[in-house]
N, C-alpha and C. Protein backbone atom coordinates (compact mmCIF):
# COMPACT_ATOMS: atom_id res chain seq x y z
N UNK A 1 -21.93 4.91 34.51
CA UNK A 1 -23.19 4.80 35.22
C UNK A 1 -22.91 4.42 36.67
N UNK A 2 -23.53 5.11 37.61
CA UNK A 2 -23.29 4.82 39.01
C UNK A 2 -24.35 3.85 39.54
N UNK A 3 -23.96 3.11 40.57
CA UNK A 3 -24.86 2.16 41.21
C UNK A 3 -25.77 2.90 42.18
N UNK A 4 -27.06 2.72 42.06
CA UNK A 4 -28.03 3.40 42.92
C UNK A 4 -28.53 2.42 43.97
N UNK A 5 -28.44 2.82 45.24
CA UNK A 5 -28.97 2.02 46.34
C UNK A 5 -30.44 2.37 46.53
N UNK A 6 -31.25 1.38 46.82
CA UNK A 6 -32.67 1.58 47.10
C UNK A 6 -32.91 1.24 48.56
N UNK A 7 -33.63 2.11 49.25
CA UNK A 7 -33.92 1.91 50.67
C UNK A 7 -34.89 0.76 50.85
N UNK A 8 -34.55 -0.18 51.72
CA UNK A 8 -35.42 -1.30 52.04
C UNK A 8 -36.71 -0.81 52.70
N UNK A 9 -36.61 0.23 53.52
CA UNK A 9 -37.76 0.71 54.28
C UNK A 9 -38.82 1.40 53.44
N UNK A 10 -38.41 2.31 52.55
CA UNK A 10 -39.39 3.10 51.80
C UNK A 10 -39.38 2.85 50.30
N UNK A 11 -38.36 2.20 49.80
CA UNK A 11 -38.28 1.90 48.37
C UNK A 11 -37.74 3.02 47.51
N UNK A 12 -37.41 4.16 48.12
CA UNK A 12 -36.87 5.29 47.36
C UNK A 12 -35.35 5.15 47.22
N UNK A 13 -34.81 5.83 46.22
CA UNK A 13 -33.36 5.83 46.03
C UNK A 13 -32.67 6.54 47.18
N UNK A 14 -31.47 6.08 47.50
CA UNK A 14 -30.65 6.73 48.51
C UNK A 14 -29.61 7.55 47.74
N UNK A 15 -29.69 8.86 47.87
CA UNK A 15 -28.81 9.76 47.13
C UNK A 15 -27.36 9.55 47.53
N UNK A 16 -26.47 9.66 46.56
CA UNK A 16 -25.04 9.54 46.81
C UNK A 16 -24.61 10.59 47.82
N UNK A 17 -23.78 10.21 48.76
CA UNK A 17 -23.28 11.12 49.77
C UNK A 17 -24.17 11.26 50.99
N UNK A 18 -25.34 10.65 50.98
CA UNK A 18 -26.25 10.71 52.12
C UNK A 18 -25.92 9.61 53.11
N UNK A 19 -26.21 9.87 54.39
CA UNK A 19 -26.02 8.85 55.41
C UNK A 19 -27.01 7.72 55.18
N UNK A 20 -26.57 6.49 55.40
CA UNK A 20 -27.43 5.33 55.24
C UNK A 20 -26.99 4.26 56.23
N UNK A 21 -27.88 3.32 56.46
CA UNK A 21 -27.57 2.19 57.33
C UNK A 21 -27.46 0.95 56.45
N UNK A 22 -26.36 0.23 56.60
CA UNK A 22 -26.16 -1.02 55.86
C UNK A 22 -26.13 -2.15 56.86
N UNK A 23 -27.04 -3.11 56.69
CA UNK A 23 -27.09 -4.26 57.59
C UNK A 23 -26.22 -5.35 56.99
N UNK A 24 -25.07 -5.58 57.61
CA UNK A 24 -24.12 -6.53 57.05
C UNK A 24 -24.67 -7.96 57.08
N UNK A 25 -25.54 -8.26 58.04
CA UNK A 25 -26.14 -9.60 58.10
C UNK A 25 -27.02 -9.85 56.88
N UNK A 26 -27.60 -8.78 56.33
CA UNK A 26 -28.52 -8.92 55.20
C UNK A 26 -27.78 -9.15 53.88
N UNK A 27 -26.53 -8.73 53.80
CA UNK A 27 -25.81 -8.85 52.54
C UNK A 27 -25.57 -10.31 52.17
N UNK A 28 -25.54 -11.19 53.15
CA UNK A 28 -25.32 -12.61 52.86
C UNK A 28 -26.63 -13.40 52.82
N UNK A 29 -27.75 -12.72 53.09
CA UNK A 29 -29.06 -13.36 53.11
C UNK A 29 -29.61 -13.44 51.69
N UNK A 30 -29.81 -14.65 51.20
CA UNK A 30 -30.31 -14.83 49.82
C UNK A 30 -31.72 -14.27 49.65
N UNK A 31 -32.50 -14.19 50.72
CA UNK A 31 -33.87 -13.68 50.64
C UNK A 31 -33.91 -12.16 50.53
N UNK A 32 -32.82 -11.50 50.87
CA UNK A 32 -32.79 -10.05 50.86
C UNK A 32 -32.22 -9.52 49.55
N UNK A 33 -32.95 -8.62 48.91
CA UNK A 33 -32.48 -8.03 47.66
C UNK A 33 -31.55 -6.85 47.94
N UNK A 34 -31.70 -6.22 49.09
CA UNK A 34 -30.93 -5.05 49.45
C UNK A 34 -30.65 -5.08 50.94
N UNK A 35 -29.68 -4.30 51.36
CA UNK A 35 -29.35 -4.27 52.77
C UNK A 35 -29.14 -2.84 53.26
N UNK A 36 -29.71 -1.86 52.54
CA UNK A 36 -29.45 -0.46 52.84
C UNK A 36 -30.75 0.28 53.15
N UNK A 37 -30.73 1.09 54.20
CA UNK A 37 -31.89 1.86 54.63
C UNK A 37 -31.51 3.33 54.74
N UNK A 38 -32.45 4.25 54.50
CA UNK A 38 -32.28 5.63 54.95
C UNK A 38 -32.21 5.57 56.47
N UNK A 39 -31.51 6.50 57.09
CA UNK A 39 -31.41 6.52 58.55
C UNK A 39 -32.80 6.59 59.18
N UNK A 40 -33.68 7.43 58.62
CA UNK A 40 -35.03 7.61 59.17
C UNK A 40 -35.94 6.41 58.91
N UNK A 41 -35.56 5.53 57.99
CA UNK A 41 -36.39 4.36 57.66
C UNK A 41 -35.95 3.10 58.39
N UNK A 42 -34.83 3.16 59.11
CA UNK A 42 -34.30 1.98 59.78
C UNK A 42 -35.04 1.77 61.10
N UNK A 43 -36.18 1.06 61.01
CA UNK A 43 -37.08 0.87 62.15
C UNK A 43 -37.40 -0.60 62.33
N UNK A 44 -37.79 -0.94 63.55
CA UNK A 44 -38.26 -2.29 63.85
C UNK A 44 -39.51 -2.57 63.02
N UNK A 45 -39.55 -3.71 62.38
CA UNK A 45 -40.70 -4.04 61.52
C UNK A 45 -41.97 -4.32 62.33
N UNK A 46 -41.85 -4.54 63.63
CA UNK A 46 -43.01 -4.82 64.47
C UNK A 46 -43.55 -3.57 65.15
N UNK A 47 -42.69 -2.85 65.87
CA UNK A 47 -43.16 -1.70 66.67
C UNK A 47 -42.82 -0.35 66.06
N UNK A 48 -42.06 -0.35 64.99
CA UNK A 48 -41.67 0.87 64.28
C UNK A 48 -40.74 1.78 65.08
N UNK A 49 -40.07 1.25 66.10
CA UNK A 49 -39.09 2.03 66.86
C UNK A 49 -37.87 2.29 65.98
N UNK A 50 -37.39 3.53 65.97
CA UNK A 50 -36.20 3.87 65.22
C UNK A 50 -35.01 3.12 65.81
N UNK A 51 -34.23 2.45 64.97
CA UNK A 51 -33.18 1.56 65.46
C UNK A 51 -31.78 2.14 65.34
N UNK A 52 -31.64 3.34 64.79
CA UNK A 52 -30.32 3.94 64.68
C UNK A 52 -29.78 4.14 66.09
N UNK A 53 -28.54 3.77 66.31
CA UNK A 53 -27.86 3.84 67.61
C UNK A 53 -28.38 2.84 68.63
N UNK A 54 -29.19 1.87 68.21
CA UNK A 54 -29.67 0.83 69.11
C UNK A 54 -29.22 -0.53 68.59
N UNK A 55 -29.22 -1.51 69.47
CA UNK A 55 -28.98 -2.88 69.03
C UNK A 55 -30.19 -3.33 68.23
N UNK A 56 -29.96 -4.10 67.20
CA UNK A 56 -31.06 -4.62 66.41
C UNK A 56 -30.78 -6.08 66.08
N UNK A 57 -31.80 -6.77 65.65
CA UNK A 57 -31.69 -8.17 65.24
C UNK A 57 -32.25 -8.29 63.82
N UNK A 58 -31.72 -9.23 63.08
CA UNK A 58 -32.12 -9.41 61.69
C UNK A 58 -32.57 -10.85 61.48
N UNK A 59 -33.72 -11.03 60.85
CA UNK A 59 -34.18 -12.38 60.55
C UNK A 59 -35.08 -12.34 59.31
N UNK A 60 -34.76 -13.16 58.34
CA UNK A 60 -35.57 -13.36 57.14
C UNK A 60 -35.96 -12.05 56.45
N UNK A 61 -35.00 -11.15 56.29
CA UNK A 61 -35.26 -9.92 55.57
C UNK A 61 -35.86 -8.80 56.39
N UNK A 62 -36.07 -9.02 57.69
CA UNK A 62 -36.66 -8.00 58.56
C UNK A 62 -35.70 -7.63 59.67
N UNK A 63 -35.78 -6.36 60.11
CA UNK A 63 -35.00 -5.93 61.28
C UNK A 63 -35.96 -5.71 62.44
N UNK A 64 -35.50 -6.06 63.63
CA UNK A 64 -36.31 -6.00 64.84
C UNK A 64 -35.53 -5.31 65.94
N UNK A 65 -36.24 -4.65 66.86
CA UNK A 65 -35.62 -4.23 68.11
C UNK A 65 -35.41 -5.52 68.92
N UNK A 66 -34.56 -5.47 69.92
CA UNK A 66 -34.27 -6.68 70.70
C UNK A 66 -35.52 -7.23 71.38
N UNK A 67 -36.39 -6.34 71.84
CA UNK A 67 -37.61 -6.77 72.54
C UNK A 67 -38.51 -7.60 71.63
N UNK A 68 -38.79 -7.09 70.43
CA UNK A 68 -39.68 -7.81 69.52
C UNK A 68 -39.03 -9.08 68.97
N UNK A 69 -37.72 -9.06 68.78
CA UNK A 69 -37.04 -10.26 68.32
C UNK A 69 -37.12 -11.36 69.37
N UNK A 70 -36.97 -11.00 70.64
CA UNK A 70 -37.05 -11.99 71.72
C UNK A 70 -38.42 -12.66 71.72
N UNK A 71 -39.47 -11.91 71.39
CA UNK A 71 -40.82 -12.48 71.36
C UNK A 71 -41.02 -13.45 70.20
N UNK A 72 -40.17 -13.39 69.19
CA UNK A 72 -40.24 -14.38 68.11
C UNK A 72 -39.77 -15.74 68.60
N UNK A 73 -38.88 -15.72 69.58
CA UNK A 73 -38.24 -16.94 70.07
C UNK A 73 -38.99 -17.54 71.25
N UNK A 74 -39.41 -16.68 72.18
CA UNK A 74 -40.11 -17.11 73.39
C UNK A 74 -41.26 -16.17 73.67
N UNK A 75 -42.31 -16.67 74.30
CA UNK A 75 -43.44 -15.78 74.63
C UNK A 75 -43.10 -14.81 75.75
N UNK A 76 -43.85 -13.71 75.83
CA UNK A 76 -43.68 -12.70 76.87
C UNK A 76 -44.89 -12.74 77.79
N UNK A 77 -44.66 -12.73 79.09
CA UNK A 77 -45.74 -12.76 80.07
C UNK A 77 -46.44 -11.41 80.14
N UNK A 78 -47.76 -11.43 80.09
CA UNK A 78 -48.56 -10.21 80.15
C UNK A 78 -48.45 -9.54 81.52
N UNK A 79 -48.23 -10.32 82.57
CA UNK A 79 -48.20 -9.77 83.93
C UNK A 79 -46.84 -9.17 84.30
N UNK A 80 -45.77 -9.90 84.09
CA UNK A 80 -44.45 -9.42 84.54
C UNK A 80 -43.58 -8.89 83.40
N UNK A 81 -44.01 -9.10 82.16
CA UNK A 81 -43.32 -8.60 80.98
C UNK A 81 -41.99 -9.30 80.71
N UNK A 82 -41.81 -10.49 81.28
CA UNK A 82 -40.58 -11.24 81.05
C UNK A 82 -40.75 -12.21 79.90
N UNK A 83 -39.64 -12.46 79.19
CA UNK A 83 -39.58 -13.52 78.18
C UNK A 83 -39.01 -14.73 78.90
N UNK A 84 -39.65 -15.89 78.75
CA UNK A 84 -39.25 -17.04 79.56
C UNK A 84 -39.53 -18.36 78.85
N UNK A 85 -38.81 -19.38 79.29
CA UNK A 85 -39.06 -20.75 78.86
C UNK A 85 -39.96 -21.48 79.85
N UNK A 86 -40.33 -20.81 80.95
CA UNK A 86 -41.17 -21.43 81.96
C UNK A 86 -42.55 -21.73 81.40
N UNK A 87 -43.35 -22.41 82.20
CA UNK A 87 -44.70 -22.82 81.79
C UNK A 87 -45.64 -21.62 81.73
N UNK A 88 -46.38 -21.52 80.64
CA UNK A 88 -47.34 -20.43 80.44
C UNK A 88 -48.77 -20.96 80.47
N UNK A 89 -49.69 -20.09 80.83
CA UNK A 89 -51.13 -20.35 80.74
C UNK A 89 -51.73 -19.35 79.76
N UNK A 90 -52.73 -19.77 79.03
CA UNK A 90 -53.49 -18.84 78.21
C UNK A 90 -54.61 -18.30 79.09
N UNK A 91 -54.59 -17.01 79.35
CA UNK A 91 -55.55 -16.37 80.25
C UNK A 91 -56.49 -15.52 79.42
N UNK A 92 -57.80 -15.71 79.63
CA UNK A 92 -58.80 -14.91 78.90
C UNK A 92 -58.90 -13.53 79.56
N UNK A 93 -58.82 -12.51 78.73
CA UNK A 93 -58.92 -11.14 79.21
C UNK A 93 -59.56 -10.29 78.13
N UNK A 94 -60.68 -9.67 78.43
CA UNK A 94 -61.38 -8.79 77.47
C UNK A 94 -61.60 -9.48 76.13
N UNK A 95 -62.14 -10.67 76.18
CA UNK A 95 -62.49 -11.43 74.97
C UNK A 95 -61.30 -11.92 74.16
N UNK A 96 -60.07 -11.84 74.71
CA UNK A 96 -58.92 -12.36 73.99
C UNK A 96 -58.04 -13.17 74.93
N UNK A 97 -57.26 -14.04 74.37
CA UNK A 97 -56.37 -14.89 75.15
C UNK A 97 -54.98 -14.26 75.19
N UNK A 98 -54.40 -14.17 76.39
CA UNK A 98 -53.06 -13.65 76.56
C UNK A 98 -52.24 -14.66 77.33
N UNK A 99 -50.94 -14.67 77.08
CA UNK A 99 -50.07 -15.61 77.76
C UNK A 99 -49.60 -15.02 79.09
N UNK A 100 -49.60 -15.87 80.11
CA UNK A 100 -49.14 -15.45 81.42
C UNK A 100 -48.38 -16.62 82.05
N UNK A 101 -47.24 -16.30 82.65
CA UNK A 101 -46.49 -17.34 83.35
C UNK A 101 -47.35 -17.92 84.46
N UNK A 102 -47.23 -19.22 84.71
CA UNK A 102 -48.03 -19.88 85.75
C UNK A 102 -47.80 -19.19 87.09
N UNK A 103 -46.55 -18.88 87.41
CA UNK A 103 -46.26 -18.23 88.70
C UNK A 103 -46.94 -16.88 88.80
N UNK A 104 -47.03 -16.13 87.71
CA UNK A 104 -47.70 -14.82 87.73
C UNK A 104 -49.21 -14.98 87.83
N UNK A 105 -49.74 -16.00 87.16
CA UNK A 105 -51.18 -16.26 87.24
C UNK A 105 -51.58 -16.62 88.66
N UNK A 106 -50.76 -17.41 89.34
CA UNK A 106 -51.05 -17.80 90.73
C UNK A 106 -51.03 -16.57 91.63
N UNK A 107 -50.04 -15.69 91.45
CA UNK A 107 -49.95 -14.47 92.26
C UNK A 107 -51.19 -13.60 92.02
N UNK A 108 -51.63 -13.47 90.79
CA UNK A 108 -52.81 -12.66 90.52
C UNK A 108 -54.07 -13.25 91.13
N UNK A 109 -54.23 -14.56 91.06
CA UNK A 109 -55.41 -15.21 91.64
C UNK A 109 -55.40 -15.04 93.15
N UNK A 110 -54.26 -15.23 93.78
CA UNK A 110 -54.15 -15.09 95.23
C UNK A 110 -54.45 -13.64 95.64
N UNK A 111 -53.93 -12.67 94.90
CA UNK A 111 -54.16 -11.27 95.28
C UNK A 111 -55.64 -10.89 95.11
N UNK A 112 -56.33 -11.45 94.14
CA UNK A 112 -57.75 -11.20 93.97
C UNK A 112 -58.53 -11.84 95.12
N UNK A 113 -58.14 -13.05 95.51
CA UNK A 113 -58.84 -13.74 96.59
C UNK A 113 -58.63 -13.07 97.94
N UNK A 114 -57.50 -12.39 98.14
CA UNK A 114 -57.22 -11.75 99.42
C UNK A 114 -57.88 -10.39 99.56
N UNK A 115 -58.47 -9.88 98.51
CA UNK A 115 -59.11 -8.55 98.58
C UNK A 115 -60.38 -8.61 99.35
């Protein structure tokens, strides 16, 4: 009897001889039952970007693109799109709150006042 791999992404069997992605970080993770994906299923769990041939990050059974993984650790500024440890403000925009670096919020307020 042969061992059948199951794709983490779609749950289907991975046929013998087919290309697959094995996340070595996941093999030691007790929370992960499997560490193998079909090439087409190896996507960021947040944005669904295909991760084959890209750097990826692994945490708690999920794979992320570098951009989305960075946002797990630090917030991203809505204005400049940077991830930072600097001071953030919650800015109301279209009935929702978004994070903005204090320096970016000041620049936006000044530019509105100068119009």
